[in-house]
N, C-alpha and C. Protein backbone atom coordinates (compact mmCIF):
# COMPACT_ATOMS: atom_id res chain seq x y z
N MET A 1 9.19 -40.92 -46.43
CA MET A 1 8.93 -41.93 -45.53
C MET A 1 9.38 -41.87 -43.94
N THR A 2 8.53 -42.14 -43.09
CA THR A 2 8.92 -41.84 -41.50
C THR A 2 8.06 -43.12 -41.04
N TYR A 3 8.48 -43.27 -39.70
CA TYR A 3 7.14 -44.10 -38.66
C TYR A 3 5.94 -43.42 -38.31
N VAL A 4 4.94 -43.94 -37.55
CA VAL A 4 3.79 -43.74 -37.30
C VAL A 4 3.28 -43.98 -35.84
N ILE A 5 2.98 -43.20 -35.11
CA ILE A 5 2.37 -43.89 -34.32
C ILE A 5 1.18 -44.10 -34.38
N ALA A 6 0.17 -45.11 -33.48
CA ALA A 6 -0.87 -45.22 -33.94
C ALA A 6 -2.13 -45.73 -32.50
N GLU A 7 -3.08 -45.92 -32.81
CA GLU A 7 -4.43 -46.40 -32.04
C GLU A 7 -3.76 -46.80 -30.73
N PRO A 8 -3.12 -48.05 -30.65
CA PRO A 8 -2.63 -48.73 -29.35
C PRO A 8 -2.11 -47.84 -28.50
N CYS A 9 -1.73 -46.50 -28.97
CA CYS A 9 -0.52 -45.66 -28.02
C CYS A 9 -1.52 -44.70 -27.15
N VAL A 10 -3.05 -44.59 -27.74
CA VAL A 10 -3.74 -43.41 -27.31
C VAL A 10 -3.91 -43.99 -25.93
N ASP A 11 -3.85 -43.25 -24.89
CA ASP A 11 -3.88 -43.22 -23.21
C ASP A 11 -3.07 -44.30 -22.66
N VAL A 12 -1.89 -44.59 -23.54
CA VAL A 12 -0.89 -45.35 -22.72
C VAL A 12 0.18 -44.50 -22.54
N LEU A 13 1.01 -44.19 -23.39
CA LEU A 13 2.06 -43.30 -23.29
C LEU A 13 3.29 -44.08 -22.54
N ASP A 14 3.70 -44.92 -22.68
CA ASP A 14 4.80 -45.63 -22.05
C ASP A 14 6.02 -45.03 -21.91
N LYS A 15 6.39 -44.78 -23.64
CA LYS A 15 7.50 -43.71 -23.40
C LYS A 15 8.90 -44.91 -23.54
N ALA A 16 8.89 -45.75 -23.93
CA ALA A 16 9.77 -46.60 -23.68
C ALA A 16 10.46 -46.18 -25.34
N CYS A 17 9.98 -45.55 -26.40
CA CYS A 17 9.94 -45.15 -27.89
C CYS A 17 10.99 -44.02 -27.73
N ILE A 18 10.56 -43.01 -26.69
CA ILE A 18 11.61 -42.15 -26.16
C ILE A 18 12.44 -42.19 -26.24
N GLU A 19 13.11 -43.06 -25.11
CA GLU A 19 14.10 -43.18 -24.46
C GLU A 19 15.27 -44.34 -25.75
N GLU A 20 14.61 -44.75 -26.63
CA GLU A 20 15.45 -45.64 -27.88
C GLU A 20 15.61 -44.71 -29.02
N CYS A 21 14.87 -43.24 -29.08
CA CYS A 21 15.01 -42.48 -30.44
C CYS A 21 16.49 -42.08 -30.50
N PRO A 22 17.38 -42.12 -31.44
CA PRO A 22 18.36 -41.44 -31.40
C PRO A 22 18.47 -40.10 -31.83
N VAL A 23 17.45 -39.27 -32.24
CA VAL A 23 17.09 -38.26 -32.56
C VAL A 23 16.13 -37.09 -32.16
N ASP A 24 15.70 -38.03 -31.07
CA ASP A 24 14.48 -37.06 -30.10
C ASP A 24 13.37 -36.58 -30.96
N CYS A 25 12.97 -37.46 -31.82
CA CYS A 25 12.04 -37.31 -32.75
C CYS A 25 10.26 -37.35 -31.90
N ILE A 26 10.64 -37.90 -30.84
CA ILE A 26 9.08 -38.57 -30.61
C ILE A 26 9.09 -37.67 -29.50
N TYR A 27 7.25 -36.94 -29.60
CA TYR A 27 6.76 -35.72 -28.94
C TYR A 27 5.92 -36.63 -28.21
N GLU A 28 5.71 -36.01 -27.11
CA GLU A 28 4.35 -35.91 -26.12
C GLU A 28 3.50 -35.28 -26.34
N GLY A 29 1.94 -35.89 -26.55
CA GLY A 29 1.13 -34.82 -26.24
C GLY A 29 0.16 -35.22 -25.08
N ASN A 30 -0.96 -34.76 -24.94
CA ASN A 30 -2.00 -35.03 -23.80
C ASN A 30 -2.59 -36.90 -23.69
N ARG A 31 -2.44 -37.35 -24.91
CA ARG A 31 -3.08 -38.75 -24.70
C ARG A 31 -2.25 -39.32 -25.58
N MET A 32 -0.93 -39.19 -25.83
CA MET A 32 -0.67 -40.34 -26.73
C MET A 32 0.85 -39.39 -27.43
N LEU A 33 1.93 -40.51 -27.94
CA LEU A 33 3.09 -39.74 -28.51
C LEU A 33 3.04 -39.73 -30.20
N TYR A 34 3.80 -38.72 -30.50
CA TYR A 34 3.73 -38.24 -32.19
C TYR A 34 5.12 -38.41 -32.53
N ILE A 35 5.10 -38.77 -33.70
CA ILE A 35 7.06 -38.96 -34.46
C ILE A 35 6.74 -37.76 -35.48
N HIS A 36 7.68 -36.88 -35.13
CA HIS A 36 7.75 -35.56 -35.85
C HIS A 36 8.22 -36.49 -37.36
N PRO A 37 7.20 -36.03 -38.55
CA PRO A 37 7.70 -37.08 -40.07
C PRO A 37 9.15 -36.08 -40.70
N ASP A 38 9.22 -34.97 -39.93
CA ASP A 38 10.65 -34.21 -40.79
C ASP A 38 11.69 -34.57 -39.84
N GLU A 39 11.63 -34.88 -38.89
CA GLU A 39 12.83 -35.20 -37.62
C GLU A 39 13.22 -36.52 -37.63
N CYS A 40 12.36 -37.20 -38.25
CA CYS A 40 12.64 -39.33 -37.68
C CYS A 40 13.43 -39.25 -39.15
N VAL A 41 14.64 -39.91 -38.71
CA VAL A 41 15.50 -40.79 -39.62
C VAL A 41 15.34 -42.04 -39.93
N ASP A 42 14.40 -42.26 -39.75
CA ASP A 42 13.78 -43.71 -40.46
C ASP A 42 14.90 -44.66 -39.62
N CYS A 43 15.26 -44.48 -38.50
CA CYS A 43 16.22 -46.09 -38.41
C CYS A 43 15.78 -47.15 -37.56
N GLY A 44 14.17 -46.46 -37.32
CA GLY A 44 12.94 -48.18 -36.87
C GLY A 44 13.45 -48.80 -35.65
N ALA A 45 14.45 -47.67 -34.64
CA ALA A 45 14.82 -48.21 -32.91
C ALA A 45 13.53 -48.36 -32.60
N CYS A 46 12.74 -47.32 -32.25
CA CYS A 46 11.50 -46.94 -31.65
C CYS A 46 10.50 -48.42 -31.99
N GLU A 47 10.72 -49.00 -32.96
CA GLU A 47 9.11 -49.99 -33.26
C GLU A 47 9.59 -51.38 -32.20
N PRO A 48 10.45 -51.78 -32.23
CA PRO A 48 10.37 -53.23 -31.15
C PRO A 48 10.50 -52.86 -29.70
N VAL A 49 10.41 -51.69 -29.56
CA VAL A 49 10.47 -51.53 -27.58
C VAL A 49 9.43 -50.92 -27.54
N CYS A 50 8.18 -51.05 -28.74
CA CYS A 50 6.93 -50.21 -27.88
C CYS A 50 6.36 -51.68 -27.41
N PRO A 51 5.88 -51.42 -26.21
CA PRO A 51 5.06 -52.78 -25.67
C PRO A 51 3.41 -52.80 -26.28
N VAL A 52 3.44 -51.91 -26.96
CA VAL A 52 1.53 -52.11 -27.38
C VAL A 52 1.60 -52.36 -28.74
N GLU A 53 2.97 -52.57 -29.41
CA GLU A 53 2.83 -52.69 -31.17
C GLU A 53 2.19 -51.15 -31.84
N ALA A 54 2.36 -49.75 -31.35
CA ALA A 54 1.52 -49.01 -31.91
C ALA A 54 2.46 -48.15 -33.12
N ILE A 55 3.66 -48.68 -33.50
CA ILE A 55 4.50 -48.04 -33.85
C ILE A 55 4.73 -48.83 -35.44
N PHE A 56 4.53 -47.81 -36.51
CA PHE A 56 4.72 -48.73 -37.58
C PHE A 56 4.89 -47.85 -38.63
N TYR A 57 5.85 -48.41 -39.77
CA TYR A 57 6.58 -47.79 -40.72
C TYR A 57 5.29 -47.42 -41.68
N GLU A 58 5.60 -45.94 -42.35
CA GLU A 58 4.12 -45.52 -42.58
C GLU A 58 3.60 -46.18 -43.78
N ASP A 59 4.21 -47.02 -44.72
CA ASP A 59 3.44 -47.62 -45.77
C ASP A 59 2.90 -48.60 -45.18
N ASP A 60 3.09 -49.22 -43.94
CA ASP A 60 2.25 -50.63 -43.36
C ASP A 60 1.16 -50.14 -41.89
N VAL A 61 1.33 -49.15 -41.72
CA VAL A 61 0.07 -48.86 -41.16
C VAL A 61 -1.43 -49.63 -41.19
N PRO A 62 -2.01 -50.01 -40.48
CA PRO A 62 -3.01 -50.66 -40.77
C PRO A 62 -4.09 -50.12 -41.11
N ASP A 63 -4.79 -50.32 -42.29
CA ASP A 63 -6.00 -49.33 -42.81
C ASP A 63 -6.92 -49.04 -41.86
N GLU A 64 -7.30 -50.00 -40.37
CA GLU A 64 -8.12 -49.34 -39.77
C GLU A 64 -7.56 -47.87 -38.83
N TRP A 65 -6.25 -47.86 -39.01
CA TRP A 65 -5.68 -46.66 -38.40
C TRP A 65 -4.79 -45.64 -39.30
N ALA A 66 -5.20 -45.71 -40.64
CA ALA A 66 -4.64 -45.00 -41.38
C ALA A 66 -4.73 -43.77 -41.18
N PRO A 67 -6.08 -43.18 -40.53
CA PRO A 67 -5.80 -41.82 -39.71
C PRO A 67 -4.89 -41.44 -38.97
N TYR A 68 -4.23 -41.80 -38.46
CA TYR A 68 -3.14 -41.71 -37.32
C TYR A 68 -1.86 -41.28 -38.35
N THR A 69 -1.98 -41.81 -39.70
CA THR A 69 -0.75 -41.20 -40.09
C THR A 69 -1.20 -39.60 -40.20
N LYS A 70 -1.89 -39.33 -40.81
CA LYS A 70 -2.43 -37.69 -40.71
C LYS A 70 -2.18 -36.97 -39.18
N ALA A 71 -2.64 -37.33 -38.50
CA ALA A 71 -2.81 -37.10 -37.13
C ALA A 71 -1.16 -36.57 -36.66
N ASN A 72 -0.56 -37.73 -36.69
CA ASN A 72 1.15 -37.89 -36.62
C ASN A 72 1.91 -36.37 -37.10
N VAL A 73 1.30 -36.09 -38.48
CA VAL A 73 1.78 -35.09 -39.05
C VAL A 73 1.11 -33.89 -38.96
N ASP A 74 -0.21 -33.50 -38.66
CA ASP A 74 -0.99 -32.21 -38.45
C ASP A 74 -0.73 -32.12 -36.87
N PHE A 75 -0.19 -32.87 -36.13
CA PHE A 75 0.29 -32.42 -34.68
C PHE A 75 1.17 -31.46 -34.67
N PHE A 76 2.02 -31.29 -35.90
CA PHE A 76 2.99 -30.71 -35.85
C PHE A 76 2.90 -29.28 -36.30
N ASP A 77 1.54 -28.79 -36.95
CA ASP A 77 1.65 -27.80 -37.83
C ASP A 77 1.46 -26.84 -36.98
N GLU A 78 1.13 -26.03 -35.68
CA GLU A 78 1.60 -25.35 -34.81
C GLU A 78 3.12 -25.31 -34.50
N LEU A 79 3.52 -26.34 -33.85
CA LEU A 79 4.77 -26.62 -33.49
C LEU A 79 5.98 -26.39 -34.18
N GLY A 80 5.47 -26.63 -35.74
CA GLY A 80 6.82 -26.49 -36.72
C GLY A 80 8.09 -27.49 -36.52
N SER A 81 8.98 -27.49 -36.49
CA SER A 81 10.33 -28.53 -35.96
C SER A 81 11.27 -28.05 -35.06
N PRO A 82 10.88 -27.97 -33.89
CA PRO A 82 11.80 -27.68 -33.02
C PRO A 82 13.44 -28.26 -32.71
N GLY A 83 13.48 -29.29 -33.49
CA GLY A 83 14.84 -29.98 -33.41
C GLY A 83 14.81 -30.58 -32.19
N GLY A 84 14.23 -31.18 -31.31
CA GLY A 84 13.92 -32.23 -30.65
C GLY A 84 13.04 -32.20 -29.74
N ALA A 85 12.33 -33.11 -29.03
CA ALA A 85 11.40 -33.15 -28.51
C ALA A 85 11.54 -32.62 -26.94
N SER A 86 13.13 -33.02 -26.39
CA SER A 86 13.37 -32.55 -25.42
C SER A 86 13.56 -31.09 -25.43
N LYS A 87 13.58 -30.13 -26.05
CA LYS A 87 13.43 -28.74 -26.41
C LYS A 87 12.12 -28.80 -25.67
N VAL A 88 11.13 -28.95 -25.59
CA VAL A 88 9.91 -28.43 -25.92
C VAL A 88 9.07 -29.34 -24.58
N GLY A 89 9.69 -30.40 -23.95
CA GLY A 89 9.02 -30.85 -23.35
C GLY A 89 7.52 -31.74 -23.45
N LYS A 90 6.65 -31.95 -22.84
CA LYS A 90 5.39 -32.48 -22.98
C LYS A 90 4.43 -31.43 -23.48
N ILE A 91 3.66 -31.71 -24.77
CA ILE A 91 2.87 -30.58 -25.43
C ILE A 91 1.40 -30.88 -24.47
N ASP A 92 0.84 -29.62 -24.50
CA ASP A 92 -0.58 -30.15 -23.95
C ASP A 92 -1.71 -29.61 -24.94
N LYS A 93 -1.93 -30.76 -25.81
CA LYS A 93 -2.55 -30.47 -26.75
C LYS A 93 -2.50 -32.41 -27.20
N ASP A 94 -3.35 -32.64 -28.43
CA ASP A 94 -3.47 -33.51 -29.04
C ASP A 94 -4.10 -33.22 -30.44
N ASP A 95 -3.98 -33.43 -31.46
CA ASP A 95 -4.36 -33.70 -32.63
C ASP A 95 -5.78 -34.02 -32.49
N PRO A 96 -7.11 -33.02 -33.17
CA PRO A 96 -8.11 -33.01 -32.89
C PRO A 96 -8.79 -34.57 -33.44
N PHE A 97 -8.63 -35.41 -34.18
CA PHE A 97 -8.80 -36.75 -34.25
C PHE A 97 -8.12 -37.99 -33.07
N VAL A 98 -7.21 -37.28 -32.32
CA VAL A 98 -6.49 -38.17 -31.35
C VAL A 98 -7.42 -37.90 -30.48
N ALA A 99 -7.76 -36.56 -29.78
CA ALA A 99 -8.36 -35.74 -28.61
C ALA A 99 -9.80 -36.45 -28.69
N GLU A 100 -10.59 -36.57 -29.70
CA GLU A 100 -12.02 -37.31 -29.98
C GLU A 100 -11.96 -38.31 -29.50
N GLN A 101 -11.02 -39.15 -29.75
CA GLN A 101 -11.28 -40.51 -29.55
C GLN A 101 -11.67 -41.38 -28.02
N PRO A 102 -12.72 -42.46 -27.79
CA PRO A 102 -13.23 -42.96 -26.40
C PRO A 102 -11.79 -43.06 -25.66
N ALA A 103 -11.93 -42.81 -24.09
CA ALA A 103 -10.92 -43.09 -23.29
C ALA A 103 -10.89 -44.57 -23.46
N LYS A 104 -9.84 -44.82 -23.13
CA LYS A 104 -9.72 -46.64 -23.01
C LYS A 104 -9.61 -46.98 -21.52
N GLU A 105 -10.49 -47.60 -21.12
CA GLU A 105 -10.67 -48.30 -19.90
C GLU A 105 -9.72 -48.94 -19.40
N GLU A 106 -9.42 -48.59 -17.82
CA GLU A 106 -8.17 -49.20 -17.32
C GLU A 106 -8.12 -50.51 -16.51
């Protein structure tokens, strides 16, 4: 099991969770952040610092945001497991499910 970032993060990218993550497993895409399912150690440090409450334990993702669990996994299909987000920096893509979401109004 792992933590998942869901819809409230789309187009927000606050990044407080990145600074709190002790294992550097939160990666930045174009429109949202993604937690690497194989690198996450389930510590939960990211969850309370998210200002938009977008981070959930995998079993607790609300039903309406369930597709984000798959999006967090699929985002890493090509990337694999580089062993830390700081090694790769911002990744110029999003999972297709996230990319096709309507833009949030500012």
